[in-house]
């Protein structure tokens, strides 16, 4: 039986539509590193979306790697959520 890692994980994406073809993984980590990623995001008013399955998938990508086309639709949903949250809080 495979033992699952129960530590908190986080992945940060960067996306500038006019400059990038796809969002890019700019930070990822587990445990204290994940906590620091979340702390920095919250300190800068960046919305945090919790999705354990998506974090697992994105964690497998390398830093500075564009997300692959097969993840475009799910990332589009996350970006739509981010835009909605930003609009509500602005």
C-alpha atoms as a PDB file:
ATOM      1  CA  UNK A   1       0.000   0.000   0.000  1.00  0.00           C
ATOM      2  CA  UNK A   2       1.288   3.439  -0.951  1.00  0.00           C
ATOM      3  CA  UNK A   3       1.624   5.811   1.972  1.00  0.00           C
ATOM      4  CA  UNK A   4       0.188   9.266   1.248  1.00  0.00           C
ATOM      5  CA  UNK A   5       1.910  12.435   2.352  1.00  0.00           C
ATOM      6  CA  UNK A   6      -0.511  14.299   4.634  1.00  0.00           C
ATOM      7  CA  UNK A   7       1.497  17.540   4.767  1.00  0.00           C
ATOM      8  CA  UNK A   8      -0.132  20.664   3.382  1.00  0.00           C
ATOM      9  CA  UNK A   9       0.950  21.401  -0.185  1.00  0.00           C
ATOM     10  CA  UNK A  10       0.790  24.577  -2.234  1.00  0.00           C
ATOM     11  CA  UNK A  11       1.509  25.603  -5.801  1.00  0.00           C
ATOM     12  CA  UNK A  12       1.682  29.176  -7.065  1.00  0.00           C
ATOM     13  CA  UNK A  13       0.972  30.075 -10.673  1.00  0.00           C
ATOM     14  CA  UNK A  14       1.829  33.203 -12.607  1.00  0.00           C
ATOM     15  CA  UNK A  15      -0.187  34.259 -15.617  1.00  0.00           C
ATOM     16  CA  UNK A  16       0.049  37.413 -17.662  1.00  0.00           C
ATOM     17  CA  UNK A  17      -2.255  36.865 -20.645  1.00  0.00           C
ATOM     18  CA  UNK A  18      -0.610  39.482 -22.851  1.00  0.00           C
ATOM     19  CA  UNK A  19       2.877  38.083 -22.174  1.00  0.00           C
ATOM     20  CA  UNK A  20       2.446  34.335 -21.658  1.00  0.00           C
ATOM     21  CA  UNK A  21       0.886  31.551 -23.680  1.00  0.00           C
ATOM     22  CA  UNK A  22      -0.068  29.640 -20.516  1.00  0.00           C
ATOM     23  CA  UNK A  23       0.163  29.977 -16.736  1.00  0.00           C
ATOM     24  CA  UNK A  24       3.525  28.999 -15.259  1.00  0.00           C
ATOM     25  CA  UNK A  25       4.399  27.236 -11.985  1.00  0.00           C
ATOM     26  CA  UNK A  26       6.452  29.776 -10.015  1.00  0.00           C
ATOM     27  CA  UNK A  27       6.500  28.151  -6.568  1.00  0.00           C
ATOM     28  CA  UNK A  28       5.605  24.823  -5.035  1.00  0.00           C
ATOM     29  CA  UNK A  29       6.232  22.990  -1.814  1.00  0.00           C
ATOM     30  CA  UNK A  30       4.944  20.983   1.105  1.00  0.00           C
ATOM     31  CA  UNK A  31       4.877  21.507   4.855  1.00  0.00           C
ATOM     32  CA  UNK A  32       6.655  24.719   5.939  1.00  0.00           C
ATOM     33  CA  UNK A  33       7.313  25.749   2.330  1.00  0.00           C
ATOM     34  CA  UNK A  34       3.607  25.433   1.507  1.00  0.00           C
ATOM     35  CA  UNK A  35       2.749  27.484   4.588  1.00  0.00           C
ATOM     36  CA  UNK A  36       5.182  30.207   3.454  1.00  0.00           C
ATOM     37  CA  UNK A  37       3.690  30.255  -0.063  1.00  0.00           C
ATOM     38  CA  UNK A  38       0.213  30.689   1.457  1.00  0.00           C
ATOM     39  CA  UNK A  39       1.456  33.347   3.895  1.00  0.00           C
ATOM     40  CA  UNK A  40       3.010  35.377   1.055  1.00  0.00           C
ATOM     41  CA  UNK A  41      -0.125  35.048  -1.079  1.00  0.00           C
ATOM     42  CA  UNK A  42      -2.387  36.236   1.718  1.00  0.00           C
ATOM     43  CA  UNK A  43      -0.035  39.100   2.623  1.00  0.00           C
ATOM     44  CA  UNK A  44      -0.287  40.336  -0.968  1.00  0.00           C
ATOM     45  CA  UNK A  45      -4.052  39.881  -1.244  1.00  0.00           C
ATOM     46  CA  UNK A  46      -3.759  36.998  -3.689  1.00  0.00           C
ATOM     47  CA  UNK A  47      -6.810  34.714  -3.585  1.00  0.00           C
ATOM     48  CA  UNK A  48      -6.073  31.162  -2.463  1.00  0.00           C
ATOM     49  CA  UNK A  49      -8.099  28.325  -3.992  1.00  0.00           C
ATOM     50  CA  UNK A  50      -7.946  24.995  -2.169  1.00  0.00           C
ATOM     51  CA  UNK A  51      -8.099  21.948  -4.439  1.00  0.00           C
ATOM     52  CA  UNK A  52      -6.082  18.945  -3.243  1.00  0.00           C
ATOM     53  CA  UNK A  53      -6.328  17.047  -6.530  1.00  0.00           C
ATOM     54  CA  UNK A  54      -5.184  20.034  -8.576  1.00  0.00           C
ATOM     55  CA  UNK A  55      -2.288  20.727  -6.195  1.00  0.00           C
ATOM     56  CA  UNK A  56      -1.138  17.118  -6.570  1.00  0.00           C
ATOM     57  CA  UNK A  57      -1.219  17.420 -10.353  1.00  0.00           C
ATOM     58  CA  UNK A  58       0.522  20.797 -10.436  1.00  0.00           C
ATOM     59  CA  UNK A  59       3.142  19.644  -7.922  1.00  0.00           C
ATOM     60  CA  UNK A  60       4.390  17.147 -10.492  1.00  0.00           C
ATOM     61  CA  UNK A  61       5.348  20.013 -12.827  1.00  0.00           C
ATOM     62  CA  UNK A  62       8.767  21.653 -12.746  1.00  0.00           C
ATOM     63  CA  UNK A  63       9.284  25.220 -11.581  1.00  0.00           C
ATOM     64  CA  UNK A  64       8.943  27.727 -14.426  1.00  0.00           C
ATOM     65  CA  UNK A  65       7.096  25.118 -16.489  1.00  0.00           C
ATOM     66  CA  UNK A  66       3.970  26.155 -18.379  1.00  0.00           C
ATOM     67  CA  UNK A  67       0.931  24.135 -17.457  1.00  0.00           C
ATOM     68  CA  UNK A  68       0.246  21.499 -20.119  1.00  0.00           C
ATOM     69  CA  UNK A  69      -2.712  21.889 -22.508  1.00  0.00           C
ATOM     70  CA  UNK A  70      -4.630  19.080 -20.806  1.00  0.00           C
ATOM     71  CA  UNK A  71      -4.934  21.310 -17.700  1.00  0.00           C
ATOM     72  CA  UNK A  72      -6.115  24.438 -19.549  1.00  0.00           C
ATOM     73  CA  UNK A  73      -9.807  23.906 -18.807  1.00  0.00           C
ATOM     74  CA  UNK A  74      -9.364  23.341 -15.071  1.00  0.00           C
ATOM     75  CA  UNK A  75      -6.953  26.286 -14.785  1.00  0.00           C
ATOM     76  CA  UNK A  76      -9.430  28.426 -16.735  1.00  0.00           C
ATOM     77  CA  UNK A  77     -12.012  27.612 -14.044  1.00  0.00           C
ATOM     78  CA  UNK A  78      -9.551  28.643 -11.326  1.00  0.00           C
ATOM     79  CA  UNK A  79      -8.719  31.890 -13.156  1.00  0.00           C
ATOM     80  CA  UNK A  80     -12.437  32.642 -13.552  1.00  0.00           C
ATOM     81  CA  UNK A  81     -12.828  32.130  -9.794  1.00  0.00           C
ATOM     82  CA  UNK A  82      -9.857  34.452  -9.111  1.00  0.00           C
ATOM     83  CA  UNK A  83     -11.279  37.181 -11.364  1.00  0.00           C
ATOM     84  CA  UNK A  84     -14.665  36.869  -9.619  1.00  0.00           C
ATOM     85  CA  UNK A  85     -13.104  37.057  -6.144  1.00  0.00           C
ATOM     86  CA  UNK A  86     -10.981  40.061  -7.146  1.00  0.00           C
ATOM     87  CA  UNK A  87     -14.040  41.821  -8.546  1.00  0.00           C
ATOM     88  CA  UNK A  88     -16.054  41.171  -5.372  1.00  0.00           C
ATOM     89  CA  UNK A  89     -13.319  42.536  -3.111  1.00  0.00           C
ATOM     90  CA  UNK A  90     -12.361  45.572  -5.177  1.00  0.00           C
END
